[in-house]
Amino acid sequence: NLLMGAGFSQISVRALGGWNASMAQ
């Protein structure tokens, strides 16, 4: 929503880590 509101297109958002990485962190 923030990127669209600023005018951007072709937006891609990726996770950096999942459940196990979260527990490790």
mmCIF file of all heavy atoms, coordinates in Angstrom:
data_MODEL
# 
_entry.id   MODEL 
# 
loop_
_atom_site.group_PDB 
_atom_site.id 
_atom_site.type_symbol 
_atom_site.label_atom_id 
_atom_site.label_alt_id 
_atom_site.label_comp_id 
_atom_site.label_asym_id 
_atom_site.label_entity_id 
_atom_site.label_seq_id 
_atom_site.pdbx_PDB_ins_code 
_atom_site.Cartn_x 
_atom_site.Cartn_y 
_atom_site.Cartn_z 
_atom_site.occupancy 
_atom_site.B_iso_or_equiv 
_atom_site.pdbx_formal_charge 
_atom_site.auth_seq_id 
_atom_site.auth_comp_id 
_atom_site.auth_asym_id 
_atom_site.auth_atom_id 
_atom_site.pdbx_PDB_model_num 
ATOM 1   N N   . ASN A 1 1  ? 0.822  -1.214  0.000   1.00 0.00 ? 1  ASN A N   1 
ATOM 2   C CA  . ASN A 1 1  ? 0.000  0.000   0.000   1.00 0.00 ? 1  ASN A CA  1 
ATOM 3   C C   . ASN A 1 1  ? 0.853  1.259   0.000   1.00 0.00 ? 1  ASN A C   1 
ATOM 4   O O   . ASN A 1 1  ? 0.533  2.246   -0.688  1.00 0.00 ? 1  ASN A O   1 
ATOM 5   C CB  . ASN A 1 1  ? -0.926 0.002   1.218   1.00 0.00 ? 1  ASN A CB  1 
ATOM 6   C CG  . ASN A 1 1  ? -2.044 -1.019  1.109   1.00 0.00 ? 1  ASN A CG  1 
ATOM 7   O OD1 . ASN A 1 1  ? -2.334 -1.514  0.014   1.00 0.00 ? 1  ASN A OD1 1 
ATOM 8   N ND2 . ASN A 1 1  ? -2.660 -1.358  2.228   1.00 0.00 ? 1  ASN A ND2 1 
ATOM 9   N N   . LEU A 1 2  ? 1.936  1.262   0.773   1.00 0.00 ? 2  LEU A N   1 
ATOM 10  C CA  . LEU A 1 2  ? 2.819  2.429   0.811   1.00 0.00 ? 2  LEU A CA  1 
ATOM 11  C C   . LEU A 1 2  ? 3.466  2.677   -0.544  1.00 0.00 ? 2  LEU A C   1 
ATOM 12  O O   . LEU A 1 2  ? 3.540  3.823   -1.014  1.00 0.00 ? 2  LEU A O   1 
ATOM 13  C CB  . LEU A 1 2  ? 3.906  2.229   1.871   1.00 0.00 ? 2  LEU A CB  1 
ATOM 14  C CG  . LEU A 1 2  ? 3.479  2.391   3.330   1.00 0.00 ? 2  LEU A CG  1 
ATOM 15  C CD1 . LEU A 1 2  ? 4.571  1.859   4.260   1.00 0.00 ? 2  LEU A CD1 1 
ATOM 16  C CD2 . LEU A 1 2  ? 3.183  3.857   3.652   1.00 0.00 ? 2  LEU A CD2 1 
ATOM 17  N N   . LEU A 1 3  ? 3.935  1.620   -1.178  1.00 0.00 ? 3  LEU A N   1 
ATOM 18  C CA  . LEU A 1 3  ? 4.594  1.770   -2.476  1.00 0.00 ? 3  LEU A CA  1 
ATOM 19  C C   . LEU A 1 3  ? 3.603  2.199   -3.560  1.00 0.00 ? 3  LEU A C   1 
ATOM 20  O O   . LEU A 1 3  ? 3.902  3.079   -4.381  1.00 0.00 ? 3  LEU A O   1 
ATOM 21  C CB  . LEU A 1 3  ? 5.281  0.464   -2.866  1.00 0.00 ? 3  LEU A CB  1 
ATOM 22  C CG  . LEU A 1 3  ? 6.526  0.133   -2.034  1.00 0.00 ? 3  LEU A CG  1 
ATOM 23  C CD1 . LEU A 1 3  ? 6.827  -1.359  -2.087  1.00 0.00 ? 3  LEU A CD1 1 
ATOM 24  C CD2 . LEU A 1 3  ? 7.725  0.936   -2.513  1.00 0.00 ? 3  LEU A CD2 1 
ATOM 25  N N   . MET A 1 4  ? 2.425  1.596   -3.547  1.00 0.00 ? 4  MET A N   1 
ATOM 26  C CA  . MET A 1 4  ? 1.398  2.015   -4.512  1.00 0.00 ? 4  MET A CA  1 
ATOM 27  C C   . MET A 1 4  ? 1.013  3.473   -4.302  1.00 0.00 ? 4  MET A C   1 
ATOM 28  O O   . MET A 1 4  ? 0.852  4.229   -5.264  1.00 0.00 ? 4  MET A O   1 
ATOM 29  C CB  . MET A 1 4  ? 0.160  1.119   -4.376  1.00 0.00 ? 4  MET A CB  1 
ATOM 30  C CG  . MET A 1 4  ? 0.316  -0.261  -4.957  1.00 0.00 ? 4  MET A CG  1 
ATOM 31  S SD  . MET A 1 4  ? -1.221 -1.234  -4.840  1.00 0.00 ? 4  MET A SD  1 
ATOM 32  C CE  . MET A 1 4  ? -2.332 -0.218  -5.805  1.00 0.00 ? 4  MET A CE  1 
ATOM 33  N N   . GLY A 1 5  ? 0.876  3.878   -3.038  1.00 0.00 ? 5  GLY A N   1 
ATOM 34  C CA  . GLY A 1 5  ? 0.517  5.252   -2.744  1.00 0.00 ? 5  GLY A CA  1 
ATOM 35  C C   . GLY A 1 5  ? 1.543  6.260   -3.209  1.00 0.00 ? 5  GLY A C   1 
ATOM 36  O O   . GLY A 1 5  ? 1.211  7.403   -3.536  1.00 0.00 ? 5  GLY A O   1 
ATOM 37  N N   . ALA A 1 6  ? 2.819  5.834   -3.245  1.00 0.00 ? 6  ALA A N   1 
ATOM 38  C CA  . ALA A 1 6  ? 3.879  6.719   -3.717  1.00 0.00 ? 6  ALA A CA  1 
ATOM 39  C C   . ALA A 1 6  ? 3.987  6.742   -5.238  1.00 0.00 ? 6  ALA A C   1 
ATOM 40  O O   . ALA A 1 6  ? 4.712  7.569   -5.794  1.00 0.00 ? 6  ALA A O   1 
ATOM 41  C CB  . ALA A 1 6  ? 5.217  6.286   -3.113  1.00 0.00 ? 6  ALA A CB  1 
ATOM 42  N N   . GLY A 1 7  ? 3.264  5.835   -5.911  1.00 0.00 ? 7  GLY A N   1 
ATOM 43  C CA  . GLY A 1 7  ? 3.261  5.832   -7.371  1.00 0.00 ? 7  GLY A CA  1 
ATOM 44  C C   . GLY A 1 7  ? 3.960  4.655   -8.011  1.00 0.00 ? 7  GLY A C   1 
ATOM 45  O O   . GLY A 1 7  ? 4.035  4.573   -9.238  1.00 0.00 ? 7  GLY A O   1 
ATOM 46  N N   . PHE A 1 8  ? 4.484  3.730   -7.225  1.00 0.00 ? 8  PHE A N   1 
ATOM 47  C CA  . PHE A 1 8  ? 5.273  2.629   -7.781  1.00 0.00 ? 8  PHE A CA  1 
ATOM 48  C C   . PHE A 1 8  ? 4.389  1.526   -8.361  1.00 0.00 ? 8  PHE A C   1 
ATOM 49  O O   . PHE A 1 8  ? 3.243  1.344   -7.959  1.00 0.00 ? 8  PHE A O   1 
ATOM 50  C CB  . PHE A 1 8  ? 6.186  2.037   -6.711  1.00 0.00 ? 8  PHE A CB  1 
ATOM 51  C CG  . PHE A 1 8  ? 7.358  2.915   -6.361  1.00 0.00 ? 8  PHE A CG  1 
ATOM 52  C CD1 . PHE A 1 8  ? 7.317  3.727   -5.235  1.00 0.00 ? 8  PHE A CD1 1 
ATOM 53  C CD2 . PHE A 1 8  ? 8.490  2.939   -7.164  1.00 0.00 ? 8  PHE A CD2 1 
ATOM 54  C CE1 . PHE A 1 8  ? 8.390  4.534   -4.912  1.00 0.00 ? 8  PHE A CE1 1 
ATOM 55  C CE2 . PHE A 1 8  ? 9.558  3.751   -6.855  1.00 0.00 ? 8  PHE A CE2 1 
ATOM 56  C CZ  . PHE A 1 8  ? 9.521  4.553   -5.721  1.00 0.00 ? 8  PHE A CZ  1 
ATOM 57  N N   . SER A 1 9  ? 4.977  0.783   -9.292  1.00 0.00 ? 9  SER A N   1 
ATOM 58  C CA  . SER A 1 9  ? 4.316  -0.356  -9.938  1.00 0.00 ? 9  SER A CA  1 
ATOM 59  C C   . SER A 1 9  ? 5.232  -1.577  -9.866  1.00 0.00 ? 9  SER A C   1 
ATOM 60  O O   . SER A 1 9  ? 6.363  -1.486  -9.392  1.00 0.00 ? 9  SER A O   1 
ATOM 61  C CB  . SER A 1 9  ? 4.015  -0.038  -11.401 1.00 0.00 ? 9  SER A CB  1 
ATOM 62  O OG  . SER A 1 9  ? 3.239  1.142   -11.521 1.00 0.00 ? 9  SER A OG  1 
ATOM 63  N N   . GLN A 1 10 ? 4.731  -2.714  -10.335 1.00 0.00 ? 10 GLN A N   1 
ATOM 64  C CA  . GLN A 1 10 ? 5.496  -3.961  -10.367 1.00 0.00 ? 10 GLN A CA  1 
ATOM 65  C C   . GLN A 1 10 ? 6.150  -4.231  -9.005  1.00 0.00 ? 10 GLN A C   1 
ATOM 66  O O   . GLN A 1 10 ? 7.346  -4.510  -8.898  1.00 0.00 ? 10 GLN A O   1 
ATOM 67  C CB  . GLN A 1 10 ? 6.547  -3.924  -11.477 1.00 0.00 ? 10 GLN A CB  1 
ATOM 68  C CG  . GLN A 1 10 ? 5.940  -3.797  -12.862 1.00 0.00 ? 10 GLN A CG  1 
ATOM 69  C CD  . GLN A 1 10 ? 6.986  -3.802  -13.966 1.00 0.00 ? 10 GLN A CD  1 
ATOM 70  O OE1 . GLN A 1 10 ? 8.105  -4.277  -13.793 1.00 0.00 ? 10 GLN A OE1 1 
ATOM 71  N NE2 . GLN A 1 10 ? 6.621  -3.264  -15.125 1.00 0.00 ? 10 GLN A NE2 1 
ATOM 72  N N   . ILE A 1 11 ? 5.325  -4.166  -7.975  1.00 0.00 ? 11 ILE A N   1 
ATOM 73  C CA  . ILE A 1 11 ? 5.812  -4.307  -6.604  1.00 0.00 ? 11 ILE A CA  1 
ATOM 74  C C   . ILE A 1 11 ? 5.987  -5.784  -6.253  1.00 0.00 ? 11 ILE A C   1 
ATOM 75  O O   . ILE A 1 11 ? 5.111  -6.609  -6.518  1.00 0.00 ? 11 ILE A O   1 
ATOM 76  C CB  . ILE A 1 11 ? 4.822  -3.649  -5.620  1.00 0.00 ? 11 ILE A CB  1 
ATOM 77  C CG1 . ILE A 1 11 ? 4.688  -2.150  -5.929  1.00 0.00 ? 11 ILE A CG1 1 
ATOM 78  C CG2 . ILE A 1 11 ? 5.264  -3.861  -4.174  1.00 0.00 ? 11 ILE A CG2 1 
ATOM 79  C CD1 . ILE A 1 11 ? 3.477  -1.495  -5.287  1.00 0.00 ? 11 ILE A CD1 1 
ATOM 80  N N   . SER A 1 12 ? 7.130  -6.107  -5.670  1.00 0.00 ? 12 SER A N   1 
ATOM 81  C CA  . SER A 1 12 ? 7.419  -7.468  -5.226  1.00 0.00 ? 12 SER A CA  1 
ATOM 82  C C   . SER A 1 12 ? 7.928  -7.416  -3.795  1.00 0.00 ? 12 SER A C   1 
ATOM 83  O O   . SER A 1 12 ? 8.835  -6.642  -3.481  1.00 0.00 ? 12 SER A O   1 
ATOM 84  C CB  . SER A 1 12 ? 8.482  -8.109  -6.134  1.00 0.00 ? 12 SER A CB  1 
ATOM 85  O OG  . SER A 1 12 ? 8.885  -9.370  -5.628  1.00 0.00 ? 12 SER A OG  1 
ATOM 86  N N   . VAL A 1 13 ? 7.341  -8.242  -2.912  1.00 0.00 ? 13 VAL A N   1 
ATOM 87  C CA  . VAL A 1 13 ? 7.772  -8.326  -1.516  1.00 0.00 ? 13 VAL A CA  1 
ATOM 88  C C   . VAL A 1 13 ? 8.085  -9.784  -1.198  1.00 0.00 ? 13 VAL A C   1 
ATOM 89  O O   . VAL A 1 13 ? 7.272  -10.665 -1.468  1.00 0.00 ? 13 VAL A O   1 
ATOM 90  C CB  . VAL A 1 13 ? 6.692  -7.793  -0.554  1.00 0.00 ? 13 VAL A CB  1 
ATOM 91  C CG1 . VAL A 1 13 ? 7.149  -7.942  0.902   1.00 0.00 ? 13 VAL A CG1 1 
ATOM 92  C CG2 . VAL A 1 13 ? 6.372  -6.327  -0.850  1.00 0.00 ? 13 VAL A CG2 1 
ATOM 93  N N   . ARG A 1 14 ? 9.278  -10.022 -0.647  1.00 0.00 ? 14 ARG A N   1 
ATOM 94  C CA  . ARG A 1 14 ? 9.725  -11.380 -0.341  1.00 0.00 ? 14 ARG A CA  1 
ATOM 95  C C   . ARG A 1 14 ? 10.091 -11.482 1.136   1.00 0.00 ? 14 ARG A C   1 
ATOM 96  O O   . ARG A 1 14 ? 10.588 -10.527 1.731   1.00 0.00 ? 14 ARG A O   1 
ATOM 97  C CB  . ARG A 1 14 ? 10.962 -11.743 -1.170  1.00 0.00 ? 14 ARG A CB  1 
ATOM 98  C CG  . ARG A 1 14 ? 10.755 -11.693 -2.658  1.00 0.00 ? 14 ARG A CG  1 
ATOM 99  C CD  . ARG A 1 14 ? 12.042 -11.954 -3.408  1.00 0.00 ? 14 ARG A CD  1 
ATOM 100 N NE  . ARG A 1 14 ? 12.616 -13.265 -3.092  1.00 0.00 ? 14 ARG A NE  1 
ATOM 101 C CZ  . ARG A 1 14 ? 13.480 -13.908 -3.886  1.00 0.00 ? 14 ARG A CZ  1 
ATOM 102 N NH1 . ARG A 1 14 ? 13.867 -13.362 -5.019  1.00 0.00 ? 14 ARG A NH1 1 
ATOM 103 N NH2 . ARG A 1 14 ? 13.952 -15.083 -3.531  1.00 0.00 ? 14 ARG A NH2 1 
ATOM 104 N N   . ALA A 1 15 ? 9.866  -12.661 1.700   1.00 0.00 ? 15 ALA A N   1 
ATOM 105 C CA  . ALA A 1 15 ? 10.303 -12.910 3.075   1.00 0.00 ? 15 ALA A CA  1 
ATOM 106 C C   . ALA A 1 15 ? 11.802 -13.178 3.095   1.00 0.00 ? 15 ALA A C   1 
ATOM 107 O O   . ALA A 1 15 ? 12.374 -13.705 2.136   1.00 0.00 ? 15 ALA A O   1 
ATOM 108 C CB  . ALA A 1 15 ? 9.560  -14.107 3.649   1.00 0.00 ? 15 ALA A CB  1 
ATOM 109 N N   . LEU A 1 16 ? 12.438 -12.824 4.208   1.00 0.00 ? 16 LEU A N   1 
ATOM 110 C CA  . LEU A 1 16 ? 13.862 -13.106 4.382   1.00 0.00 ? 16 LEU A CA  1 
ATOM 111 C C   . LEU A 1 16 ? 14.100 -14.433 5.105   1.00 0.00 ? 16 LEU A C   1 
ATOM 112 O O   . LEU A 1 16 ? 15.165 -15.024 4.980   1.00 0.00 ? 16 LEU A O   1 
ATOM 113 C CB  . LEU A 1 16 ? 14.539 -11.969 5.157   1.00 0.00 ? 16 LEU A CB  1 
ATOM 114 C CG  . LEU A 1 16 ? 14.602 -10.619 4.450   1.00 0.00 ? 16 LEU A CG  1 
ATOM 115 C CD1 . LEU A 1 16 ? 15.274 -9.590  5.343   1.00 0.00 ? 16 LEU A CD1 1 
ATOM 116 C CD2 . LEU A 1 16 ? 15.350 -10.731 3.123   1.00 0.00 ? 16 LEU A CD2 1 
ATOM 117 N N   . GLY A 1 17 ? 13.154 -14.872 5.891   1.00 0.00 ? 17 GLY A N   1 
ATOM 118 C CA  . GLY A 1 17 ? 13.306 -16.131 6.620   1.00 0.00 ? 17 GLY A CA  1 
ATOM 119 C C   . GLY A 1 17 ? 11.962 -16.575 7.161   1.00 0.00 ? 17 GLY A C   1 
ATOM 120 O O   . GLY A 1 17 ? 11.052 -15.754 7.340   1.00 0.00 ? 17 GLY A O   1 
ATOM 121 N N   . GLY A 1 18 ? 11.824 -17.874 7.424   1.00 0.00 ? 18 GLY A N   1 
ATOM 122 C CA  . GLY A 1 18 ? 10.561 -18.421 7.887   1.00 0.00 ? 18 GLY A CA  1 
ATOM 123 C C   . GLY A 1 18 ? 10.584 -18.806 9.361   1.00 0.00 ? 18 GLY A C   1 
ATOM 124 O O   . GLY A 1 18 ? 11.310 -18.223 10.161  1.00 0.00 ? 18 GLY A O   1 
ATOM 125 N N   . TRP A 1 19 ? 9.797  -19.829 9.713   1.00 0.00 ? 19 TRP A N   1 
ATOM 126 C CA  . TRP A 1 19 ? 9.627  -20.217 11.116  1.00 0.00 ? 19 TRP A CA  1 
ATOM 127 C C   . TRP A 1 19 ? 10.949 -20.604 11.781  1.00 0.00 ? 19 TRP A C   1 
ATOM 128 O O   . TRP A 1 19 ? 11.262 -20.156 12.885  1.00 0.00 ? 19 TRP A O   1 
ATOM 129 C CB  . TRP A 1 19 ? 8.651  -21.390 11.218  1.00 0.00 ? 19 TRP A CB  1 
ATOM 130 C CG  . TRP A 1 19 ? 7.215  -20.984 11.342  1.00 0.00 ? 19 TRP A CG  1 
ATOM 131 C CD1 . TRP A 1 19 ? 6.253  -21.043 10.369  1.00 0.00 ? 19 TRP A CD1 1 
ATOM 132 C CD2 . TRP A 1 19 ? 6.568  -20.488 12.511  1.00 0.00 ? 19 TRP A CD2 1 
ATOM 133 N NE1 . TRP A 1 19 ? 5.051  -20.603 10.856  1.00 0.00 ? 19 TRP A NE1 1 
ATOM 134 C CE2 . TRP A 1 19 ? 5.211  -20.254 12.190  1.00 0.00 ? 19 TRP A CE2 1 
ATOM 135 C CE3 . TRP A 1 19 ? 6.993  -20.200 13.798  1.00 0.00 ? 19 TRP A CE3 1 
ATOM 136 C CZ2 . TRP A 1 19 ? 4.290  -19.758 13.090  1.00 0.00 ? 19 TRP A CZ2 1 
ATOM 137 C CZ3 . TRP A 1 19 ? 6.074  -19.707 14.721  1.00 0.00 ? 19 TRP A CZ3 1 
ATOM 138 C CH2 . TRP A 1 19 ? 4.742  -19.487 14.366  1.00 0.00 ? 19 TRP A CH2 1 
ATOM 139 N N   . ASN A 1 20 ? 11.727 -21.473 11.149  1.00 0.00 ? 20 ASN A N   1 
ATOM 140 C CA  . ASN A 1 20 ? 12.961 -21.943 11.783  1.00 0.00 ? 20 ASN A CA  1 
ATOM 141 C C   . ASN A 1 20 ? 13.979 -20.823 11.936  1.00 0.00 ? 20 ASN A C   1 
ATOM 142 O O   . ASN A 1 20 ? 14.655 -20.719 12.966  1.00 0.00 ? 20 ASN A O   1 
ATOM 143 C CB  . ASN A 1 20 ? 13.559 -23.101 10.976  1.00 0.00 ? 20 ASN A CB  1 
ATOM 144 C CG  . ASN A 1 20 ? 12.803 -24.397 11.177  1.00 0.00 ? 20 ASN A CG  1 
ATOM 145 O OD1 . ASN A 1 20 ? 11.860 -24.465 11.959  1.00 0.00 ? 20 ASN A OD1 1 
ATOM 146 N ND2 . ASN A 1 20 ? 13.212 -25.434 10.475  1.00 0.00 ? 20 ASN A ND2 1 
ATOM 147 N N   . ALA A 1 21 ? 14.102 -19.993 10.910  1.00 0.00 ? 21 ALA A N   1 
ATOM 148 C CA  . ALA A 1 21 ? 15.019 -18.855 11.004  1.00 0.00 ? 21 ALA A CA  1 
ATOM 149 C C   . ALA A 1 21 ? 14.555 -17.883 12.087  1.00 0.00 ? 21 ALA A C   1 
ATOM 150 O O   . ALA A 1 21 ? 15.384 -17.290 12.786  1.00 0.00 ? 21 ALA A O   1 
ATOM 151 C CB  . ALA A 1 21 ? 15.126 -18.149 9.658   1.00 0.00 ? 21 ALA A CB  1 
ATOM 152 N N   . SER A 1 22 ? 13.242 -17.727 12.225  1.00 0.00 ? 22 SER A N   1 
ATOM 153 C CA  . SER A 1 22 ? 12.715 -16.843 13.268  1.00 0.00 ? 22 SER A CA  1 
ATOM 154 C C   . SER A 1 22 ? 13.080 -17.362 14.655  1.00 0.00 ? 22 SER A C   1 
ATOM 155 O O   . SER A 1 22 ? 13.476 -16.594 15.539  1.00 0.00 ? 22 SER A O   1 
ATOM 156 C CB  . SER A 1 22 ? 11.191 -16.717 13.134  1.00 0.00 ? 22 SER A CB  1 
ATOM 157 O OG  . SER A 1 22 ? 10.833 -16.109 11.910  1.00 0.00 ? 22 SER A OG  1 
ATOM 158 N N   . MET A 1 23 ? 12.942 -18.673 14.855  1.00 0.00 ? 23 MET A N   1 
ATOM 159 C CA  . MET A 1 23 ? 13.325 -19.252 16.139  1.00 0.00 ? 23 MET A CA  1 
ATOM 160 C C   . MET A 1 23 ? 14.828 -19.106 16.382  1.00 0.00 ? 23 MET A C   1 
ATOM 161 O O   . MET A 1 23 ? 15.270 -18.768 17.492  1.00 0.00 ? 23 MET A O   1 
ATOM 162 C CB  . MET A 1 23 ? 12.917 -20.725 16.193  1.00 0.00 ? 23 MET A CB  1 
ATOM 163 C CG  . MET A 1 23 ? 13.330 -21.422 17.480  1.00 0.00 ? 23 MET A CG  1 
ATOM 164 S SD  . MET A 1 23 ? 12.638 -20.641 18.965  1.00 0.00 ? 23 MET A SD  1 
ATOM 165 C CE  . MET A 1 23 ? 10.942 -21.230 18.865  1.00 0.00 ? 23 MET A CE  1 
ATOM 166 N N   . ALA A 1 24 ? 15.624 -19.348 15.337  1.00 0.00 ? 24 ALA A N   1 
ATOM 167 C CA  . ALA A 1 24 ? 17.076 -19.189 15.464  1.00 0.00 ? 24 ALA A CA  1 
ATOM 168 C C   . ALA A 1 24 ? 17.436 -17.759 15.833  1.00 0.00 ? 24 ALA A C   1 
ATOM 169 O O   . ALA A 1 24 ? 18.293 -17.510 16.700  1.00 0.00 ? 24 ALA A O   1 
ATOM 170 C CB  . ALA A 1 24 ? 17.760 -19.593 14.154  1.00 0.00 ? 24 ALA A CB  1 
ATOM 171 N N   . GLN A 1 25 ? 16.791 -16.814 15.177  1.00 0.00 ? 25 GLN A N   1 
ATOM 172 C CA  . GLN A 1 25 ? 17.089 -15.405 15.452  1.00 0.00 ? 25 GLN A CA  1 
ATOM 173 C C   . GLN A 1 25 ? 16.690 -15.027 16.869  1.00 0.00 ? 25 GLN A C   1 
ATOM 174 O O   . GLN A 1 25 ? 17.423 -14.312 17.563  1.00 0.00 ? 25 GLN A O   1 
ATOM 175 C CB  . GLN A 1 25 ? 16.367 -14.522 14.433  1.00 0.00 ? 25 GLN A CB  1 
ATOM 176 C CG  . GLN A 1 25 ? 16.770 -13.062 14.503  1.00 0.00 ? 25 GLN A CG  1 
ATOM 177 C CD  . GLN A 1 25 ? 16.442 -12.326 13.223  1.00 0.00 ? 25 GLN A CD  1 
ATOM 178 O OE1 . GLN A 1 25 ? 17.074 -12.549 12.194  1.00 0.00 ? 25 GLN A OE1 1 
ATOM 179 N NE2 . GLN A 1 25 ? 15.447 -11.457 13.287  1.00 0.00 ? 25 GLN A NE2 1 
# 
